[in-house]
Amino acid sequence: MKVQYDDACLPLQQVYEWTRKFMNSISSVTDSPLPGQAHRVVTPEAIAAVEAIVKENHRITVNEIARNGDYIKK
């Protein structure tokens, strides 16, 4: 397969890892979130809220918007 597909070929180690996961009833091959990784959800409401904040104050910084956090649904 390496001759046919060159660098597009899946490494054999990855095949072994996926085989092990599937045999243990894990059906997703996507990466799990890593510890400490931020969970972000972008919603139309949050976008509209941030746009309103920026329209109100054009000189506001990204850090000030992030510190404010009023646009986040709790």
PDB file of N, CA and C in Angstrom:
ATOM      1  N   MET A   1       0.812  -1.195   0.000  1.00  0.00           N
ATOM      2  CA  MET A   1       0.000   0.000   0.000  1.00  0.00           C
ATOM      3  C   MET A   1       0.859   1.264   0.000  1.00  0.00           C
ATOM      4  N   LYS A   2       1.983   1.209   0.680  1.00  0.00           N
ATOM      5  CA  LYS A   2       2.866   2.366   0.748  1.00  0.00           C
ATOM      6  C   LYS A   2       3.350   2.766  -0.643  1.00  0.00           C
ATOM      7  N   VAL A   3       3.619   1.780  -1.497  1.00  0.00           N
ATOM      8  CA  VAL A   3       4.063   2.059  -2.862  1.00  0.00           C
ATOM      9  C   VAL A   3       2.957   2.757  -3.647  1.00  0.00           C
ATOM     10  N   GLN A   4       1.720   2.279  -3.464  1.00  0.00           N
ATOM     11  CA  GLN A   4       0.594   2.822  -4.210  1.00  0.00           C
ATOM     12  C   GLN A   4       0.205   4.223  -3.718  1.00  0.00           C
ATOM     13  N   TYR A   5       0.100   4.400  -2.379  1.00  0.00           N
ATOM     14  CA  TYR A   5      -0.444   5.638  -1.826  1.00  0.00           C
ATOM     15  C   TYR A   5       0.607   6.587  -1.262  1.00  0.00           C
ATOM     16  N   ASP A   6       1.841   6.174  -1.156  1.00  0.00           N
ATOM     17  CA  ASP A   6       2.952   6.986  -0.668  1.00  0.00           C
ATOM     18  C   ASP A   6       2.632   7.568   0.701  1.00  0.00           C
ATOM     19  N   ASP A   7       2.731   8.886   0.881  1.00  0.00           N
ATOM     20  CA  ASP A   7       2.533   9.501   2.198  1.00  0.00           C
ATOM     21  C   ASP A   7       1.061   9.566   2.615  1.00  0.00           C
ATOM     22  N   ALA A   8       0.138   9.330   1.685  1.00  0.00           N
ATOM     23  CA  ALA A   8      -1.286   9.355   2.022  1.00  0.00           C
ATOM     24  C   ALA A   8      -1.721   8.062   2.705  1.00  0.00           C
ATOM     25  N   CYS A   9      -0.836   7.098   2.779  1.00  0.00           N
ATOM     26  CA  CYS A   9      -1.137   5.808   3.395  1.00  0.00           C
ATOM     27  C   CYS A   9      -1.139   5.952   4.912  1.00  0.00           C
ATOM     28  N   LEU A  10      -2.123   5.353   5.567  1.00  0.00           N
ATOM     29  CA  LEU A  10      -2.237   5.383   7.018  1.00  0.00           C
ATOM     30  C   LEU A  10      -1.101   4.565   7.624  1.00  0.00           C
ATOM     31  N   PRO A  11      -0.405   5.110   8.634  1.00  0.00           N
ATOM     32  CA  PRO A  11       0.683   4.350   9.255  1.00  0.00           C
ATOM     33  C   PRO A  11       0.162   3.062   9.896  1.00  0.00           C
ATOM     34  N   LEU A  12       0.954   2.027   9.860  1.00  0.00           N
ATOM     35  CA  LEU A  12       0.566   0.730  10.396  1.00  0.00           C
ATOM     36  C   LEU A  12       0.241   0.829  11.885  1.00  0.00           C
ATOM     37  N   GLN A  13       0.971   1.645  12.620  1.00  0.00           N
ATOM     38  CA  GLN A  13       0.712   1.825  14.050  1.00  0.00           C
ATOM     39  C   GLN A  13      -0.697   2.377  14.285  1.00  0.00           C
ATOM     40  N   GLN A  14      -1.149   3.288  13.426  1.00  0.00           N
ATOM     41  CA  GLN A  14      -2.499   3.839  13.543  1.00  0.00           C
ATOM     42  C   GLN A  14      -3.544   2.761  13.279  1.00  0.00           C
ATOM     43  N   VAL A  15      -3.273   1.889  12.315  1.00  0.00           N
ATOM     44  CA  VAL A  15      -4.186   0.780  12.020  1.00  0.00           C
ATOM     45  C   VAL A  15      -4.306  -0.125  13.242  1.00  0.00           C
ATOM     46  N   TYR A  16      -3.170  -0.444  13.880  1.00  0.00           N
ATOM     47  CA  TYR A  16      -3.195  -1.281  15.086  1.00  0.00           C
ATOM     48  C   TYR A  16      -3.988  -0.609  16.207  1.00  0.00           C
ATOM     49  N   GLU A  17      -3.792   0.699  16.375  1.00  0.00           N
ATOM     50  CA  GLU A  17      -4.490   1.423  17.441  1.00  0.00           C
ATOM     51  C   GLU A  17      -6.001   1.430  17.197  1.00  0.00           C
ATOM     52  N   TRP A  18      -6.418   1.708  15.979  1.00  0.00           N
ATOM     53  CA  TRP A  18      -7.857   1.712  15.667  1.00  0.00           C
ATOM     54  C   TRP A  18      -8.451   0.317  15.818  1.00  0.00           C
ATOM     55  N   THR A  19      -7.715  -0.703  15.405  1.00  0.00           N
ATOM     56  CA  THR A  19      -8.196  -2.075  15.557  1.00  0.00           C
ATOM     57  C   THR A  19      -8.427  -2.390  17.029  1.00  0.00           C
ATOM     58  N   ARG A  20      -7.488  -2.014  17.876  1.00  0.00           N
ATOM     59  CA  ARG A  20      -7.628  -2.234  19.314  1.00  0.00           C
ATOM     60  C   ARG A  20      -8.842  -1.497  19.861  1.00  0.00           C
ATOM     61  N   LYS A  21      -9.041  -0.249  19.433  1.00  0.00           N
ATOM     62  CA  LYS A  21     -10.189   0.528  19.912  1.00  0.00           C
ATOM     63  C   LYS A  21     -11.506  -0.100  19.462  1.00  0.00           C
ATOM     64  N   PHE A  22     -11.595  -0.506  18.211  1.00  0.00           N
ATOM     65  CA  PHE A  22     -12.833  -1.100  17.707  1.00  0.00           C
ATOM     66  C   PHE A  22     -13.131  -2.424  18.400  1.00  0.00           C
ATOM     67  N   MET A  23     -12.112  -3.183  18.715  1.00  0.00           N
ATOM     68  CA  MET A  23     -12.315  -4.453  19.415  1.00  0.00           C
ATOM     69  C   MET A  23     -12.802  -4.219  20.845  1.00  0.00           C
ATOM     70  N   ASN A  24     -12.510  -3.046  21.400  1.00  0.00           N
ATOM     71  CA  ASN A  24     -12.971  -2.689  22.743  1.00  0.00           C
ATOM     72  C   ASN A  24     -14.251  -1.865  22.691  1.00  0.00           C
ATOM     73  N   SER A  25     -14.987  -1.966  21.594  1.00  0.00           N
ATOM     74  CA  SER A  25     -16.295  -1.328  21.404  1.00  0.00           C
ATOM     75  C   SER A  25     -16.250   0.195  21.353  1.00  0.00           C
ATOM     76  N   ILE A  26     -15.123   0.759  21.010  1.00  0.00           N
ATOM     77  CA  ILE A  26     -15.045   2.200  20.800  1.00  0.00           C
ATOM     78  C   ILE A  26     -15.246   2.426  19.308  1.00  0.00           C
ATOM     79  N   SER A  27     -16.309   3.165  18.946  1.00  0.00           N
ATOM     80  CA  SER A  27     -16.643   3.276  17.527  1.00  0.00           C
ATOM     81  C   SER A  27     -16.274   4.619  16.904  1.00  0.00           C
ATOM     82  N   SER A  28     -15.690   5.521  17.667  1.00  0.00           N
ATOM     83  CA  SER A  28     -15.327   6.824  17.125  1.00  0.00           C
ATOM     84  C   SER A  28     -13.822   6.911  16.938  1.00  0.00           C
ATOM     85  N   VAL A  29     -13.395   7.409  15.788  1.00  0.00           N
ATOM     86  CA  VAL A  29     -11.970   7.553  15.537  1.00  0.00           C
ATOM     87  C   VAL A  29     -11.507   8.995  15.707  1.00  0.00           C
ATOM     88  N   THR A  30     -12.405   9.877  16.160  1.00  0.00           N
ATOM     89  CA  THR A  30     -12.012  11.264  16.379  1.00  0.00           C
ATOM     90  C   THR A  30     -11.213  11.368  17.666  1.00  0.00           C
ATOM     91  N   ASP A  31     -10.379  12.387  17.752  1.00  0.00           N
ATOM     92  CA  ASP A  31      -9.572  12.598  18.943  1.00  0.00           C
ATOM     93  C   ASP A  31     -10.448  13.025  20.113  1.00  0.00           C
ATOM     94  N   SER A  32     -10.162  12.488  21.274  1.00  0.00           N
ATOM     95  CA  SER A  32     -10.864  12.914  22.482  1.00  0.00           C
ATOM     96  C   SER A  32     -10.285  14.247  22.934  1.00  0.00           C
ATOM     97  N   PRO A  33     -11.103  15.063  23.622  1.00  0.00           N
ATOM     98  CA  PRO A  33     -10.549  16.328  24.117  1.00  0.00           C
ATOM     99  C   PRO A  33      -9.422  16.063  25.116  1.00  0.00           C
ATOM    100  N   LEU A  34      -8.397  16.855  25.041  1.00  0.00           N
ATOM    101  CA  LEU A  34      -7.269  16.717  25.945  1.00  0.00           C
ATOM    102  C   LEU A  34      -7.542  17.472  27.235  1.00  0.00           C
ATOM    103  N   PRO A  35      -6.963  17.028  28.358  1.00  0.00           N
ATOM    104  CA  PRO A  35      -7.154  17.751  29.611  1.00  0.00           C
ATOM    105  C   PRO A  35      -6.630  19.185  29.479  1.00  0.00           C
ATOM    106  N   GLY A  36      -7.397  20.125  29.996  1.00  0.00           N
ATOM    107  CA  GLY A  36      -6.993  21.521  29.942  1.00  0.00           C
ATOM    108  C   GLY A  36      -7.396  22.224  28.668  1.00  0.00           C
ATOM    109  N   GLN A  37      -7.953  21.496  27.725  1.00  0.00           N
ATOM    110  CA  GLN A  37      -8.383  22.094  26.474  1.00  0.00           C
ATOM    111  C   GLN A  37      -9.688  22.851  26.701  1.00  0.00           C
ATOM    112  N   ALA A  38      -9.755  24.053  26.219  1.00  0.00           N
ATOM    113  CA  ALA A  38     -10.939  24.875  26.408  1.00  0.00           C
ATOM    114  C   ALA A  38     -12.100  24.319  25.597  1.00  0.00           C
ATOM    115  N   HIS A  39     -13.278  24.345  26.203  1.00  0.00           N
ATOM    116  CA  HIS A  39     -14.490  23.932  25.509  1.00  0.00           C
ATOM    117  C   HIS A  39     -15.163  25.190  24.999  1.00  0.00           C
ATOM    118  N   ARG A  40     -15.256  25.332  23.684  1.00  0.00           N
ATOM    119  CA  ARG A  40     -15.839  26.546  23.100  1.00  0.00           C
ATOM    120  C   ARG A  40     -17.024  26.180  22.239  1.00  0.00           C
ATOM    121  N   VAL A  41     -18.077  26.955  22.414  1.00  0.00           N
ATOM    122  CA  VAL A  41     -19.252  26.786  21.581  1.00  0.00           C
ATOM    123  C   VAL A  41     -19.600  28.152  21.014  1.00  0.00           C
ATOM    124  N   VAL A  42     -19.661  28.246  19.696  1.00  0.00           N
ATOM    125  CA  VAL A  42     -19.997  29.509  19.039  1.00  0.00           C
ATOM    126  C   VAL A  42     -21.440  29.396  18.575  1.00  0.00           C
ATOM    127  N   THR A  43     -22.286  30.257  19.130  1.00  0.00           N
ATOM    128  CA  THR A  43     -23.699  30.259  18.766  1.00  0.00           C
ATOM    129  C   THR A  43     -24.036  31.580  18.088  1.00  0.00           C
ATOM    130  N   PRO A  44     -25.103  31.610  17.319  1.00  0.00           N
ATOM    131  CA  PRO A  44     -25.513  32.880  16.703  1.00  0.00           C
ATOM    132  C   PRO A  44     -25.804  33.959  17.751  1.00  0.00           C
ATOM    133  N   GLU A  45     -26.320  33.546  18.909  1.00  0.00           N
ATOM    134  CA  GLU A  45     -26.601  34.508  19.979  1.00  0.00           C
ATOM    135  C   GLU A  45     -25.313  35.139  20.502  1.00  0.00           C
ATOM    136  N   ALA A  46     -24.278  34.317  20.685  1.00  0.00           N
ATOM    137  CA  ALA A  46     -23.000  34.831  21.184  1.00  0.00           C
ATOM    138  C   ALA A  46     -22.372  35.775  20.158  1.00  0.00           C
ATOM    139  N   ILE A  47     -22.470  35.421  18.881  1.00  0.00           N
ATOM    140  CA  ILE A  47     -21.923  36.277  17.823  1.00  0.00           C
ATOM    141  C   ILE A  47     -22.641  37.621  17.815  1.00  0.00           C
ATOM    142  N   ALA A  48     -23.965  37.586  17.913  1.00  0.00           N
ATOM    143  CA  ALA A  48     -24.739  38.830  17.924  1.00  0.00           C
ATOM    144  C   ALA A  48     -24.403  39.680  19.149  1.00  0.00           C
ATOM    145  N   ALA A  49     -24.222  39.032  20.301  1.00  0.00           N
ATOM    146  CA  ALA A  49     -23.894  39.769  21.522  1.00  0.00           C
ATOM    147  C   ALA A  49     -22.534  40.449  21.405  1.00  0.00           C
ATOM    148  N   VAL A  50     -21.550  39.742  20.872  1.00  0.00           N
ATOM    149  CA  VAL A  50     -20.209  40.331  20.710  1.00  0.00           C
ATOM    150  C   VAL A  50     -20.252  41.455  19.681  1.00  0.00           C
ATOM    151  N   GLU A  51     -21.005  41.274  18.602  1.00  0.00           N
ATOM    152  CA  GLU A  51     -21.143  42.345  17.605  1.00  0.00           C
ATOM    153  C   GLU A  51     -21.762  43.589  18.240  1.00  0.00           C
ATOM    154  N   ALA A  52     -22.751  43.409  19.112  1.00  0.00           N
ATOM    155  CA  ALA A  52     -23.384  44.543  19.789  1.00  0.00           C
ATOM    156  C   ALA A  52     -22.391  45.251  20.704  1.00  0.00           C
ATOM    157  N   ILE A  53     -21.559  44.479  21.404  1.00  0.00           N
ATOM    158  CA  ILE A  53     -20.546  45.077  22.289  1.00  0.00           C
ATOM    159  C   ILE A  53     -19.571  45.911  21.466  1.00  0.00           C
ATOM    160  N   VAL A  54     -19.138  45.389  20.321  1.00  0.00           N
ATOM    161  CA  VAL A  54     -18.168  46.093  19.480  1.00  0.00           C
ATOM    162  C   VAL A  54     -18.802  47.340  18.850  1.00  0.00           C
ATOM    163  N   LYS A  55     -20.061  47.237  18.440  1.00  0.00           N
ATOM    164  CA  LYS A  55     -20.732  48.409  17.863  1.00  0.00           C
ATOM    165  C   LYS A  55     -20.896  49.512  18.905  1.00  0.00           C
ATOM    166  N   GLU A  56     -21.087  49.122  20.153  1.00  0.00           N
ATOM    167  CA  GLU A  56     -21.235  50.094  21.240  1.00  0.00           C
ATOM    168  C   GLU A  56     -19.911  50.790  21.545  1.00  0.00           C
ATOM    169  N   ASN A  57     -18.817  50.046  21.476  1.00  0.00           N
ATOM    170  CA  ASN A  57     -17.496  50.591  21.793  1.00  0.00           C
ATOM    171  C   ASN A  57     -16.491  50.039  20.789  1.00  0.00           C
ATOM    172  N   HIS A  58     -16.162  50.819  19.768  1.00  0.00           N
ATOM    173  CA  HIS A  58     -15.249  50.365  18.708  1.00  0.00           C
ATOM    174  C   HIS A  58     -13.812  50.190  19.192  1.00  0.00           C
ATOM    175  N   ARG A  59     -13.502  50.754  20.349  1.00  0.00           N
ATOM    176  CA  ARG A  59     -12.128  50.677  20.838  1.00  0.00           C
ATOM    177  C   ARG A  59     -11.914  49.547  21.848  1.00  0.00           C
ATOM    178  N   ILE A  60     -12.934  48.733  22.063  1.00  0.00           N
ATOM    179  CA  ILE A  60     -12.818  47.637  23.025  1.00  0.00           C
ATOM    180  C   ILE A  60     -11.837  46.588  22.497  1.00  0.00           C
ATOM    181  N   THR A  61     -11.089  45.990  23.396  1.00  0.00           N
ATOM    182  CA  THR A  61     -10.108  44.981  22.994  1.00  0.00           C
ATOM    183  C   THR A  61     -10.710  43.584  23.137  1.00  0.00           C
ATOM    184  N   VAL A  62     -10.075  42.629  22.503  1.00  0.00           N
ATOM    185  CA  VAL A  62     -10.511  41.237  22.595  1.00  0.00           C
ATOM    186  C   VAL A  62     -10.440  40.768  24.042  1.00  0.00           C
ATOM    187  N   ASN A  63      -9.384  41.158  24.745  1.00  0.00           N
ATOM    188  CA  ASN A  63      -9.245  40.755  26.145  1.00  0.00           C
ATOM    189  C   ASN A  63     -10.373  41.314  27.006  1.00  0.00           C
ATOM    190  N   GLU A  64     -10.785  42.544  26.750  1.00  0.00           N
ATOM    191  CA  GLU A  64     -11.887  43.133  27.513  1.00  0.00           C
ATOM    192  C   GLU A  64     -13.194  42.393  27.230  1.00  0.00           C
ATOM    193  N   ILE A  65     -13.419  42.025  25.993  1.00  0.00           N
ATOM    194  CA  ILE A  65     -14.621  41.259  25.654  1.00  0.00           C
ATOM    195  C   ILE A  65     -14.587  39.901  26.365  1.00  0.00           C
ATOM    196  N   ALA A  66     -13.443  39.248  26.342  1.00  0.00           N
ATOM    197  CA  ALA A  66     -13.311  37.943  26.974  1.00  0.00           C
ATOM    198  C   ALA A  66     -13.496  38.029  28.481  1.00  0.00           C
ATOM    199  N   ARG A  67     -12.954  39.082  29.104  1.00  0.00           N
ATOM    200  CA  ARG A  67     -13.114  39.254  30.549  1.00  0.00           C
ATOM    201  C   ARG A  67     -14.552  39.517  30.933  1.00  0.00           C
ATOM    202  N   ASN A  68     -15.267  40.267  30.076  1.00  0.00           N
ATOM    203  CA  ASN A  68     -16.654  40.626  30.338  1.00  0.00           C
ATOM    204  C   ASN A  68     -17.507  39.353  30.407  1.00  0.00           C
ATOM    205  N   GLY A  69     -17.524  38.588  29.353  1.00  0.00           N
ATOM    206  CA  GLY A  69     -18.201  37.299  29.329  1.00  0.00           C
ATOM    207  C   GLY A  69     -19.707  37.349  29.448  1.00  0.00           C
ATOM    208  N   ASP A  70     -20.326  38.529  29.355  1.00  0.00           N
ATOM    209  CA  ASP A  70     -21.782  38.651  29.480  1.00  0.00           C
ATOM    210  C   ASP A  70     -22.524  37.978  28.326  1.00  0.00           C
ATOM    211  N   TYR A  71     -21.857  37.783  27.220  1.00  0.00           N
ATOM    212  CA  TYR A  71     -22.492  37.193  26.048  1.00  0.00           C
ATOM    213  C   TYR A  71     -22.616  35.683  26.160  1.00  0.00           C
ATOM    214  N   ILE A  72     -21.992  35.094  27.176  1.00  0.00           N
ATOM    215  CA  ILE A  72     -22.008  33.640  27.342  1.00  0.00           C
ATOM    216  C   ILE A  72     -23.244  33.234  28.119  1.00  0.00           C
ATOM    217  N   LYS A  73     -23.984  32.259  27.574  1.00  0.00           N
ATOM    218  CA  LYS A  73     -25.154  31.728  28.271  1.00  0.00           C
ATOM    219  C   LYS A  73     -24.690  30.868  29.428  1.00  0.00           C
ATOM    220  N   LYS A  74     -25.240  31.086  30.560  1.00  0.00           N
ATOM    221  CA  LYS A  74     -24.862  30.271  31.733  1.00  0.00           C
ATOM    222  C   LYS A  74     -25.871  29.166  31.930  1.00  0.00           C
TER     223      LYS A  74
END
